[in-house]
C-alpha atoms as a PDB file:
ATOM      1  CA  MET A   1     118.171  11.075 -63.043  1.00  0.00           C
ATOM      2  CA  MET A   2     115.469   8.447 -63.389  1.00  0.00           C
ATOM      3  CA  SER A   3     118.073   5.747 -63.899  1.00  0.00           C
ATOM      4  CA  PHE A   4     119.382   6.519 -60.398  1.00  0.00           C
ATOM      5  CA  VAL A   5     116.067   6.874 -58.538  1.00  0.00           C
ATOM      6  CA  VAL A   6     114.440   3.619 -59.654  1.00  0.00           C
ATOM      7  CA  PRO A   7     117.283   1.317 -58.478  1.00  0.00           C
ATOM      8  CA  MET A   8     117.524   3.202 -55.156  1.00  0.00           C
ATOM      9  CA  VAL A   9     113.806   2.786 -54.488  1.00  0.00           C
ATOM     10  CA  PHE A  10     114.091  -0.881 -55.430  1.00  0.00           C
ATOM     11  CA  MET A  11     116.991  -1.318 -52.967  1.00  0.00           C
ATOM     12  CA  VAL A  12     115.063   0.369 -50.160  1.00  0.00           C
ATOM     13  CA  VAL A  13     112.093  -1.951 -50.738  1.00  0.00           C
ATOM     14  CA  ILE A  14     114.377  -5.006 -50.712  1.00  0.00           C
ATOM     15  CA  PHE A  15     116.080  -3.878 -47.478  1.00  0.00           C
ATOM     16  CA  TYR A  16     112.685  -3.314 -45.883  1.00  0.00           C
ATOM     17  CA  PHE A  17     111.390  -6.790 -46.660  1.00  0.00           C
ATOM     18  CA  LEU A  18     114.646  -8.646 -45.990  1.00  0.00           C
ATOM     19  CA  LEU A  19     116.002  -6.816 -42.929  1.00  0.00           C
ATOM     20  CA  ILE A  20     113.699  -4.307 -41.262  1.00  0.00           C
ATOM     21  CA  ARG A  21     110.357  -6.119 -41.332  1.00  0.00           C
ATOM     22  CA  PRO A  22     111.604  -9.475 -39.952  1.00  0.00           C
ATOM     23  CA  GLN A  23     113.443  -7.675 -37.136  1.00  0.00           C
ATOM     24  CA  GLN A  24     110.303  -5.730 -36.202  1.00  0.00           C
ATOM     25  CA  LYS A  25     108.290  -8.960 -36.191  1.00  0.00           C
ATOM     26  CA  LYS A  26     110.842 -10.706 -33.963  1.00  0.00           C
ATOM     27  CA  SER A  27     110.919  -7.741 -31.577  1.00  0.00           C
ATOM     28  CA  LYS A  28     107.125  -7.725 -31.359  1.00  0.00           C
ATOM     29  CA  GLU A  29     107.037 -11.472 -30.584  1.00  0.00           C
ATOM     30  CA  HIS A  30     109.675 -11.075 -27.842  1.00  0.00           C
ATOM     31  CA  LYS A  31     107.712  -8.227 -26.249  1.00  0.00           C
ATOM     32  CA  ALA A  32     104.562 -10.380 -26.285  1.00  0.00           C
ATOM     33  CA  LEU A  33     106.514 -13.225 -24.647  1.00  0.00           C
ATOM     34  CA  LEU A  34     107.759 -10.934 -21.875  1.00  0.00           C
ATOM     35  CA  ASP A  35     104.281  -9.517 -21.294  1.00  0.00           C
ATOM     36  CA  ASN A  36     102.759 -12.995 -20.894  1.00  0.00           C
ATOM     37  CA  LEU A  37     105.243 -14.393 -18.363  1.00  0.00           C
ATOM     38  CA  LYS A  38     103.877 -15.602 -15.050  1.00  0.00           C
ATOM     39  CA  GLU A  39     105.180 -17.296 -11.932  1.00  0.00           C
ATOM     40  CA  GLY A  40     105.803 -21.006 -12.408  1.00  0.00           C
ATOM     41  CA  ASP A  41     106.810 -20.735 -16.074  1.00  0.00           C
ATOM     42  CA  GLN A  42     109.966 -22.587 -17.001  1.00  0.00           C
ATOM     43  CA  ILE A  43     112.140 -20.334 -19.178  1.00  0.00           C
ATOM     44  CA  ILE A  44     115.541 -20.202 -20.817  1.00  0.00           C
ATOM     45  CA  THR A  45     117.711 -17.099 -20.637  1.00  0.00           C
ATOM     46  CA  SER A  46     119.754 -15.588 -23.434  1.00  0.00           C
ATOM     47  CA  GLY A  47     122.827 -17.052 -21.690  1.00  0.00           C
ATOM     48  CA  GLY A  48     121.353 -20.553 -21.858  1.00  0.00           C
ATOM     49  CA  MET A  49     120.370 -20.948 -18.195  1.00  0.00           C
ATOM     50  CA  ILE A  50     117.077 -22.749 -17.547  1.00  0.00           C
ATOM     51  CA  GLY A  51     114.957 -21.999 -14.506  1.00  0.00           C
ATOM     52  CA  THR A  52     111.484 -21.591 -13.088  1.00  0.00           C
ATOM     53  CA  ILE A  53     110.090 -18.139 -12.427  1.00  0.00           C
ATOM     54  CA  VAL A  54     109.510 -17.594  -8.718  1.00  0.00           C
ATOM     55  CA  ARG A  55     108.730 -13.880  -8.733  1.00  0.00           C
ATOM     56  CA  ILE A  56     108.284 -11.215 -11.408  1.00  0.00           C
ATOM     57  CA  ASP A  57     108.644  -7.451 -11.061  1.00  0.00           C
ATOM     58  CA  ASP A  58     108.602  -4.826 -13.799  1.00  0.00           C
ATOM     59  CA  GLN A  59     112.266  -5.279 -14.730  1.00  0.00           C
ATOM     60  CA  ILE A  60     113.565  -8.080 -12.459  1.00  0.00           C
ATOM     61  CA  VAL A  61     112.758 -11.793 -12.544  1.00  0.00           C
ATOM     62  CA  ASN A  62     113.690 -14.203  -9.743  1.00  0.00           C
ATOM     63  CA  LEU A  63     114.546 -17.648 -11.115  1.00  0.00           C
ATOM     64  CA  GLU A  64     114.988 -20.896  -9.265  1.00  0.00           C
ATOM     65  CA  ILE A  65     117.673 -22.777 -11.167  1.00  0.00           C
ATOM     66  CA  ALA A  66     118.053 -25.645  -8.660  1.00  0.00           C
ATOM     67  CA  ASP A  67     116.532 -26.606  -5.324  1.00  0.00           C
ATOM     68  CA  LYS A  68     116.812 -23.535  -3.079  1.00  0.00           C
ATOM     69  CA  VAL A  69     119.129 -21.785  -5.563  1.00  0.00           C
ATOM     70  CA  ARG A  70     117.628 -18.534  -6.787  1.00  0.00           C
ATOM     71  CA  ILE A  71     119.041 -15.801  -8.970  1.00  0.00           C
ATOM     72  CA  LYS A  72     117.832 -12.384 -10.069  1.00  0.00           C
ATOM     73  CA  MET A  73     118.054 -11.325 -13.686  1.00  0.00           C
ATOM     74  CA  GLY A  74     116.752  -8.625 -15.962  1.00  0.00           C
ATOM     75  CA  ARG A  75     113.472  -9.387 -17.668  1.00  0.00           C
ATOM     76  CA  PRO A  76     114.720  -8.499 -21.191  1.00  0.00           C
ATOM     77  CA  TYR A  77     117.309 -11.298 -21.005  1.00  0.00           C
ATOM     78  CA  ILE A  78     114.667 -14.025 -21.158  1.00  0.00           C
ATOM     79  CA  ALA A  79     114.980 -15.735 -24.536  1.00  0.00           C
ATOM     80  CA  GLY A  80     111.897 -17.948 -24.421  1.00  0.00           C
ATOM     81  CA  PHE A  81     110.166 -20.845 -22.798  1.00  0.00           C
ATOM     82  CA  ALA A  82     112.288 -23.887 -21.968  1.00  0.00           C
ATOM     83  CA  PRO A  83     111.707 -27.115 -23.890  1.00  0.00           C
ATOM     84  CA  LYS A  84     109.135 -29.364 -22.196  1.00  0.00           C
ATOM     85  CA  ASN A  85     111.406 -32.415 -21.883  1.00  0.00           C
ATOM     86  CA  ILE A  86     113.972 -30.638 -19.666  1.00  0.00           C
ATOM     87  CA  GLY A  87     113.959 -31.449 -15.934  1.00  0.00           C
END
């Protein structure tokens, strides 16, 4: 019985440190990013579109992607801040 339990516990510990913990850390960082967004930030979406935040609601973000071209998108689909050297 002991020869079965020890390897299983070892596998659970390995899965925790290789899969579960990094995913939790990434999720926590993304939540912090979404909480700290403000109007005027230049962001990139998960689809690769870059724009400037014009208005933020609880779940909807209005982006200006070109002069006088605005779109609405869900807040969770923001991937991060856009690189500084982009237009």
